[in-house]
């Protein structure tokens, strides 16, 4: 809103400056000794003609063009334009006859008095077309931004229940085992939910917060699996990296996917998670062992996470990320390179 008002104010001031310069031009470039004349045109006549040109410009821009041209009333627009131009001819002629009769005896003066009406009208039409084009482009961008924001909100709302479903499934397994770790896991879950409900609702979050959230999730999984799964995580973050922000809950689906497909079927399950930042570029890697049997049995209900994160990456980091996924030799390896801001 403030930006729009500021742009409109600049627009108005630019019009005032241009027309003020046109109307007062004789008094800037000429002297009183020759009646502020520009060539053979007296300064007063130049200013009066300028006022007529101003009227032509804005009558077309503010009335004829929006009322008839944009509504495809071509005949009415042409008739109005002709009346406007010839009306200016009639008015200029009567001004010359009444105030400057001596100029009517010099036919060469007429080419400097009457043709500018047509020139100004054409300029007004070009101005209207440019303004229309800018307005249309801005409206399209606003529409696209609204659509993208709506889609992004949907994707964000989709990831939370998906995440909670997976975590609650993990807690059910602890409850069945009557594990002493259940209470600690519930406390961690409450911290994760607080992040999702309060911190992850804005546009972006601090990179440090996203990493803390990711670390809490990893610790929650460690509590569940204990020594049954080897989890290696390495996160390298310098103090200056605290200034960077990231889309909330962007990294967690990769880790979720690793725990979903990397445990249960393997004899020695292992998950490796690495994150580093160098000069604004974040490199995030997740590796886990998998078996074809585990993928085929779990893929039916596990497509939301990675598809969701791909969509959000395309929306928010379209030309500023690379995502590679390799699943060779029973090793599933994801590498995300992301330019942070």
Protein backbone atom coordinates (compact mmCIF):
# COMPACT_ATOMS: atom_id res chain seq x y z
CA UNK A 1 0.00 0.00 0.00
CA UNK A 2 2.73 2.47 0.99
CA UNK A 3 4.76 1.59 -2.09
CA UNK A 4 1.70 2.11 -4.31
CA UNK A 5 1.01 5.56 -2.82
CA UNK A 6 4.65 6.52 -3.23
CA UNK A 7 4.67 5.42 -6.89
CA UNK A 8 1.45 7.34 -7.54
CA UNK A 9 2.90 10.45 -5.90
CA UNK A 10 6.03 10.24 -8.07
CA UNK A 11 3.82 9.74 -11.13
CA UNK A 12 1.79 12.87 -10.38
CA UNK A 13 4.88 14.95 -9.65
CA UNK A 14 6.44 13.82 -12.94
CA UNK A 15 3.35 14.98 -14.85
CA UNK A 16 3.37 18.33 -13.05
CA UNK A 17 7.07 18.78 -13.80
CA UNK A 18 6.71 17.97 -17.52
CA UNK A 19 3.66 20.14 -18.14
CA UNK A 20 5.00 22.94 -15.98
CA UNK A 21 8.16 22.96 -18.10
CA UNK A 22 6.14 22.96 -21.34
CA UNK A 23 3.85 25.81 -20.26
CA UNK A 24 6.65 27.99 -18.88
CA UNK A 25 9.24 27.17 -21.53
CA UNK A 26 9.06 30.63 -23.25
CA UNK A 27 9.88 32.31 -19.95
CA UNK A 28 12.92 30.11 -19.48
CA UNK A 29 14.46 30.39 -22.94
CA UNK A 30 13.36 33.84 -24.09
CA UNK A 31 13.20 37.43 -22.79
CA UNK A 32 10.56 40.11 -22.26
CA UNK A 33 12.17 42.28 -24.95
CA UNK A 34 10.65 40.14 -27.71
CA UNK A 35 7.52 39.12 -25.79
CA UNK A 36 9.07 35.80 -24.67
CA UNK A 37 8.63 34.59 -28.22
CA UNK A 38 9.93 31.21 -29.40
CA UNK A 39 10.67 31.78 -33.06
CA UNK A 40 7.63 33.55 -34.48
CA UNK A 41 5.28 32.29 -31.72
CA UNK A 42 4.66 34.79 -28.88
CA UNK A 43 5.18 33.41 -25.39
CA UNK A 44 1.55 33.96 -24.41
CA UNK A 45 0.27 32.07 -27.45
CA UNK A 46 2.75 29.27 -26.78
CA UNK A 47 1.44 28.92 -23.21
CA UNK A 48 -2.21 29.09 -24.28
CA UNK A 49 -1.58 26.43 -26.92
CA UNK A 50 0.19 24.38 -24.24
CA UNK A 51 -2.93 24.53 -22.05
CA UNK A 52 -4.99 23.27 -25.01
CA UNK A 53 -2.46 20.45 -25.54
CA UNK A 54 -2.68 19.58 -21.85
CA UNK A 55 -6.47 19.34 -22.21
CA UNK A 56 -6.12 17.09 -25.29
CA UNK A 57 -3.71 14.79 -23.46
CA UNK A 58 -5.85 14.29 -20.36
CA UNK A 59 -9.26 14.24 -22.04
CA UNK A 60 -8.01 11.34 -24.12
CA UNK A 61 -6.11 9.65 -21.27
CA UNK A 62 -8.79 10.03 -18.59
CA UNK A 63 -12.02 9.93 -20.58
CA UNK A 64 -11.92 8.87 -24.25
CA UNK A 65 -9.39 6.04 -23.95
CA UNK A 66 -10.74 4.27 -20.84
CA UNK A 67 -14.41 4.85 -21.78
CA UNK A 68 -14.32 3.88 -25.46
CA UNK A 69 -10.94 2.47 -26.57
CA UNK A 70 -10.63 -0.16 -23.85
CA UNK A 71 -14.25 -1.21 -24.34
CA UNK A 72 -13.72 -1.71 -28.07
CA UNK A 73 -16.11 1.12 -29.01
CA UNK A 74 -13.89 2.03 -31.94
CA UNK A 75 -16.36 4.21 -33.82
CA UNK A 76 -17.16 6.34 -30.77
CA UNK A 77 -13.47 6.62 -29.93
CA UNK A 78 -12.59 7.77 -33.45
CA UNK A 79 -15.45 10.28 -33.48
CA UNK A 80 -14.45 11.63 -30.07
CA UNK A 81 -10.81 11.89 -31.11
CA UNK A 82 -11.67 13.78 -34.30
CA UNK A 83 -13.92 16.18 -32.40
CA UNK A 84 -11.21 16.73 -29.80
CA UNK A 85 -8.52 17.55 -32.38
CA UNK A 86 -10.70 19.73 -34.58
CA UNK A 87 -12.07 21.43 -31.49
CA UNK A 88 -8.51 22.37 -30.56
CA UNK A 89 -7.99 23.73 -34.11
CA UNK A 90 -11.11 25.89 -33.80
CA UNK A 91 -10.06 27.18 -30.36
CA UNK A 92 -6.52 28.00 -31.49
CA UNK A 93 -7.83 29.80 -34.58
CA UNK A 94 -10.17 31.99 -32.52
CA UNK A 95 -7.39 32.79 -30.04
CA UNK A 96 -5.15 33.88 -32.90
CA UNK A 97 -7.94 35.93 -34.53
CA UNK A 98 -8.83 37.67 -31.27
CA UNK A 99 -5.45 38.14 -29.58
CA UNK A 100 -2.83 37.80 -32.30
CA UNK A 101 -4.49 38.91 -35.60
CA UNK A 102 -1.13 39.85 -37.10
CA UNK A 103 -0.06 36.17 -37.03
CA UNK A 104 -2.95 35.18 -39.30
CA UNK A 105 -1.21 37.08 -42.09
CA UNK A 106 1.78 34.69 -41.83
CA UNK A 107 0.67 31.26 -43.11
CA UNK A 108 3.96 29.65 -42.09
CA UNK A 109 2.98 30.16 -38.43
CA UNK A 110 0.08 27.75 -38.82
CA UNK A 111 2.33 24.70 -39.13
CA UNK A 112 3.72 25.46 -35.67
CA UNK A 113 0.29 26.05 -34.12
CA UNK A 114 -2.07 23.35 -35.43
CA UNK A 115 -0.04 20.11 -36.04
CA UNK A 116 1.09 19.88 -32.36
CA UNK A 117 -2.53 19.03 -31.45
CA UNK A 118 -2.23 15.81 -33.47
CA UNK A 119 1.24 15.10 -32.08
CA UNK A 120 0.06 15.52 -28.48
CA UNK A 121 -2.95 13.27 -29.13
CA UNK A 122 -0.69 10.53 -30.51
CA UNK A 123 1.62 10.90 -27.50
CA UNK A 124 -1.40 10.60 -25.21
CA UNK A 125 -2.50 7.42 -26.98
CA UNK A 126 0.99 5.90 -26.72
CA UNK A 127 1.11 6.88 -23.04
CA UNK A 128 -2.23 5.13 -22.42
CA UNK A 129 -1.07 1.98 -24.18
CA UNK A 130 2.14 1.88 -22.13
CA UNK A 131 0.25 2.41 -18.87
CA UNK A 132 -2.19 -0.32 -19.87
CA UNK A 133 0.65 -2.69 -20.61
CA UNK A 134 2.36 -1.98 -17.27
CA UNK A 135 -0.91 -2.38 -15.38
CA UNK A 136 -1.71 -5.67 -17.13
CA UNK A 137 1.77 -7.02 -16.41
CA UNK A 138 1.52 -5.98 -12.76
CA UNK A 139 -1.91 -7.60 -12.39
CA UNK A 140 -0.62 -10.81 -13.93
CA UNK A 141 2.33 -10.86 -11.56
CA UNK A 142 0.05 -10.21 -8.59
CA UNK A 143 -2.25 -12.99 -9.74
CA UNK A 144 0.67 -15.38 -10.14
CA UNK A 145 2.04 -14.39 -6.74
CA UNK A 146 -1.37 -15.03 -5.16
CA UNK A 147 -1.61 -18.42 -6.85
CA UNK A 148 1.91 -19.35 -5.76
CA UNK A 149 1.21 -18.24 -2.19
CA UNK A 150 -2.00 -20.29 -2.12
CA UNK A 151 -0.16 -23.33 -3.42
CA UNK A 152 2.67 -22.82 -0.95
CA UNK A 153 0.22 -22.55 1.96
CA UNK A 154 -1.40 -25.78 0.84
CA UNK A 155 1.96 -27.53 0.63
CA UNK A 156 2.95 -26.28 4.08
CA UNK A 157 -0.33 -27.42 5.57
CA UNK A 158 0.13 -30.80 3.90
CA UNK A 159 3.58 -31.48 5.35
CA UNK A 160 2.55 -31.02 9.02
CA UNK A 161 -0.06 -33.82 9.28
CA UNK A 162 2.21 -36.06 7.21
CA UNK A 163 5.06 -35.40 9.64
CA UNK A 164 2.86 -35.91 12.71
CA UNK A 165 1.53 -39.17 11.31
CA UNK A 166 5.08 -40.51 11.02
CA UNK A 167 6.17 -39.30 14.46
CA UNK A 168 3.06 -40.65 16.20
CA UNK A 169 3.65 -43.99 14.50
CA UNK A 170 7.12 -43.98 16.06
CA UNK A 171 5.70 -43.17 19.51
CA UNK A 172 3.18 -45.99 19.23
CA UNK A 173 6.05 -48.43 18.83
CA UNK A 174 7.67 -47.05 22.01
CA UNK A 175 4.38 -47.33 23.87
CA UNK A 176 3.99 -50.96 22.83
CA UNK A 177 7.45 -51.70 24.16
CA UNK A 178 6.55 -49.79 27.37
CA UNK A 179 9.83 -47.98 26.87
CA UNK A 180 11.17 -45.56 29.48
CA UNK A 181 12.05 -43.28 26.58
CA UNK A 182 8.40 -42.55 25.80
CA UNK A 183 8.18 -39.58 28.18
CA UNK A 184 11.33 -37.96 26.78
CA UNK A 185 10.04 -38.58 23.26
CA UNK A 186 6.75 -36.84 24.06
CA UNK A 187 8.65 -33.82 25.38
CA UNK A 188 10.65 -33.67 22.15
CA UNK A 189 7.44 -34.03 20.16
CA UNK A 190 5.93 -31.05 22.00
CA UNK A 191 8.98 -28.97 21.03
CA UNK A 192 8.62 -30.03 17.42
CA UNK A 193 4.92 -29.17 17.42
CA UNK A 194 5.65 -25.75 18.93
CA UNK A 195 8.01 -25.08 16.03
CA UNK A 196 5.42 -26.18 13.47
CA UNK A 197 2.58 -24.16 15.02
CA UNK A 198 4.38 -20.93 15.84
CA UNK A 199 7.78 -20.63 14.16
CA UNK A 200 7.04 -22.26 10.81
CA UNK A 201 3.96 -20.21 9.90
CA UNK A 202 5.85 -17.22 8.48
CA UNK A 203 7.48 -16.90 5.11
CA UNK A 204 10.90 -18.18 6.11
CA UNK A 205 12.75 -19.06 9.30
CA UNK A 206 16.32 -18.66 10.48
CA UNK A 207 18.54 -21.47 9.24
CA UNK A 208 19.63 -22.15 12.82
CA UNK A 209 16.03 -22.80 13.89
CA UNK A 210 15.45 -25.22 11.03
CA UNK A 211 18.63 -27.09 11.98
CA UNK A 212 17.56 -27.26 15.63
CA UNK A 213 14.24 -28.68 14.51
CA UNK A 214 16.00 -31.22 12.32
CA UNK A 215 18.37 -32.20 15.14
CA UNK A 216 15.44 -32.71 17.52
CA UNK A 217 13.77 -35.02 15.03
CA UNK A 218 16.98 -37.03 14.64
CA UNK A 219 17.31 -37.34 18.42
CA UNK A 220 13.69 -38.46 18.62
CA UNK A 221 14.42 -41.23 16.14
CA UNK A 222 17.54 -42.23 18.05
CA UNK A 223 15.42 -42.61 21.19
CA UNK A 224 13.06 -44.86 19.30
CA UNK A 225 15.61 -47.13 17.63
CA UNK A 226 18.45 -46.94 20.14
CA UNK A 227 21.40 -49.05 19.01
CA UNK A 228 19.37 -50.85 16.38
CA UNK A 229 20.11 -48.12 13.83
CA UNK A 230 23.44 -46.38 13.33
CA UNK A 231 22.73 -42.68 12.79
CA UNK A 232 25.63 -40.40 11.85
CA UNK A 233 24.89 -36.70 11.63
CA UNK A 234 27.38 -33.93 10.91
CA UNK A 235 26.28 -30.30 10.76
CA UNK A 236 28.79 -27.52 10.07
CA UNK A 237 27.46 -24.04 10.69
CA UNK A 238 29.45 -20.89 11.43
CA UNK A 239 28.20 -17.90 13.41
CA UNK A 240 27.83 -15.75 10.31
CA UNK A 241 25.53 -18.40 8.84
CA UNK A 242 22.90 -17.43 11.43
CA UNK A 243 21.89 -14.57 9.12
CA UNK A 244 20.55 -16.93 6.46
CA UNK A 245 16.92 -17.97 6.24
CA UNK A 246 15.22 -21.00 4.72
CA UNK A 247 11.77 -22.33 3.94
CA UNK A 248 10.49 -24.02 7.14
CA UNK A 249 10.32 -27.83 7.28
CA UNK A 250 12.14 -28.11 3.97
CA UNK A 251 14.81 -30.59 5.06
CA UNK A 252 12.82 -32.91 7.30
CA UNK A 253 11.14 -34.95 4.50
CA UNK A 254 14.53 -36.21 3.32
CA UNK A 255 15.38 -37.45 6.81
CA UNK A 256 11.90 -38.91 7.27
CA UNK A 257 12.31 -40.78 4.02
CA UNK A 258 15.65 -42.19 5.19
CA UNK A 259 14.19 -43.56 8.42
CA UNK A 260 11.11 -44.89 6.64
CA UNK A 261 13.04 -46.87 4.03
CA UNK A 262 16.39 -47.34 5.76
CA UNK A 263 15.30 -49.39 8.78
CA UNK A 264 13.27 -52.53 9.39
CA UNK A 265 14.54 -54.73 6.58
CA UNK A 266 18.29 -54.14 6.67
CA UNK A 267 20.43 -56.24 9.00
CA UNK A 268 22.72 -53.31 9.75
CA UNK A 269 20.72 -50.13 9.02
CA UNK A 270 22.77 -46.96 8.75
CA UNK A 271 21.72 -43.38 8.04
CA UNK A 272 24.21 -40.59 7.32
CA UNK A 273 23.12 -36.93 7.46
CA UNK A 274 25.45 -34.07 6.55
CA UNK A 275 24.84 -30.34 6.29
CA UNK A 276 27.33 -27.59 5.55
CA UNK A 277 27.21 -23.96 4.42
CA UNK A 278 29.92 -22.20 2.45
CA UNK A 279 29.53 -18.64 1.12
CA UNK A 280 25.76 -18.79 1.14
CA UNK A 281 25.55 -22.22 -0.49
CA UNK A 282 24.06 -24.99 1.65
CA UNK A 283 24.86 -28.62 0.85
CA UNK A 284 22.57 -31.16 2.49
CA UNK A 285 23.13 -34.90 2.05
CA UNK A 286 21.21 -37.89 3.34
CA UNK A 287 22.29 -41.48 2.74
CA UNK A 288 20.60 -44.68 3.82
CA UNK A 289 20.76 -48.35 2.94
CA UNK A 290 17.59 -49.82 1.47
CA UNK A 291 16.21 -53.02 0.01
CA UNK A 292 13.83 -53.21 -2.95
CA UNK A 293 11.37 -55.12 -0.80
CA UNK A 294 11.16 -52.28 1.73
CA UNK A 295 10.64 -49.66 -0.99
CA UNK A 296 7.84 -51.57 -2.70
CA UNK A 297 6.03 -52.22 0.57
CA UNK A 298 6.23 -48.63 1.89
CA UNK A 299 5.97 -46.47 -1.20
CA UNK A 300 2.18 -46.63 -1.27
CA UNK A 301 1.87 -44.27 1.70
CA UNK A 302 5.15 -42.38 1.50
CA UNK A 303 4.85 -40.25 -1.63
CA UNK A 304 3.78 -37.01 0.05
CA UNK A 305 7.09 -35.97 1.60
CA UNK A 306 9.49 -35.89 -1.35
CA UNK A 307 6.85 -34.74 -3.84
CA UNK A 308 5.94 -31.94 -1.46
CA UNK A 309 9.50 -30.75 -1.01
CA UNK A 310 10.11 -30.82 -4.76
CA UNK A 311 7.09 -28.58 -5.30
CA UNK A 312 8.21 -26.10 -2.65
CA UNK A 313 11.73 -26.01 -4.04
CA UNK A 314 10.35 -25.18 -7.49
CA UNK A 315 8.13 -22.45 -6.07
CA UNK A 316 10.68 -20.73 -3.85
CA UNK A 317 14.13 -21.62 -5.20
CA UNK A 318 13.41 -22.30 -8.88
CA UNK A 319 16.85 -21.39 -10.29
CA UNK A 320 18.78 -21.52 -7.03
CA UNK A 321 18.90 -25.20 -6.18
CA UNK A 322 19.91 -28.60 -7.48
CA UNK A 323 18.48 -31.86 -6.18
CA UNK A 324 20.04 -35.19 -7.14
CA UNK A 325 18.72 -38.56 -6.06
CA UNK A 326 20.71 -41.76 -6.57
CA UNK A 327 19.71 -45.26 -5.52
CA UNK A 328 22.56 -47.45 -6.69
CA UNK A 329 23.94 -50.56 -4.96
CA UNK A 330 21.21 -50.55 -2.28
CA UNK A 331 22.24 -47.04 -1.20
CA UNK A 332 19.74 -44.21 -1.42
CA UNK A 333 21.63 -40.89 -1.63
CA UNK A 334 20.01 -37.44 -1.74
CA UNK A 335 22.04 -34.27 -2.29
CA UNK A 336 20.41 -30.84 -2.09
CA UNK A 337 22.46 -27.77 -3.00
CA UNK A 338 20.63 -24.58 -2.14
CA UNK A 339 21.51 -20.90 -2.45
CA UNK A 340 20.53 -19.22 0.82
CA UNK A 341 19.42 -15.62 1.31
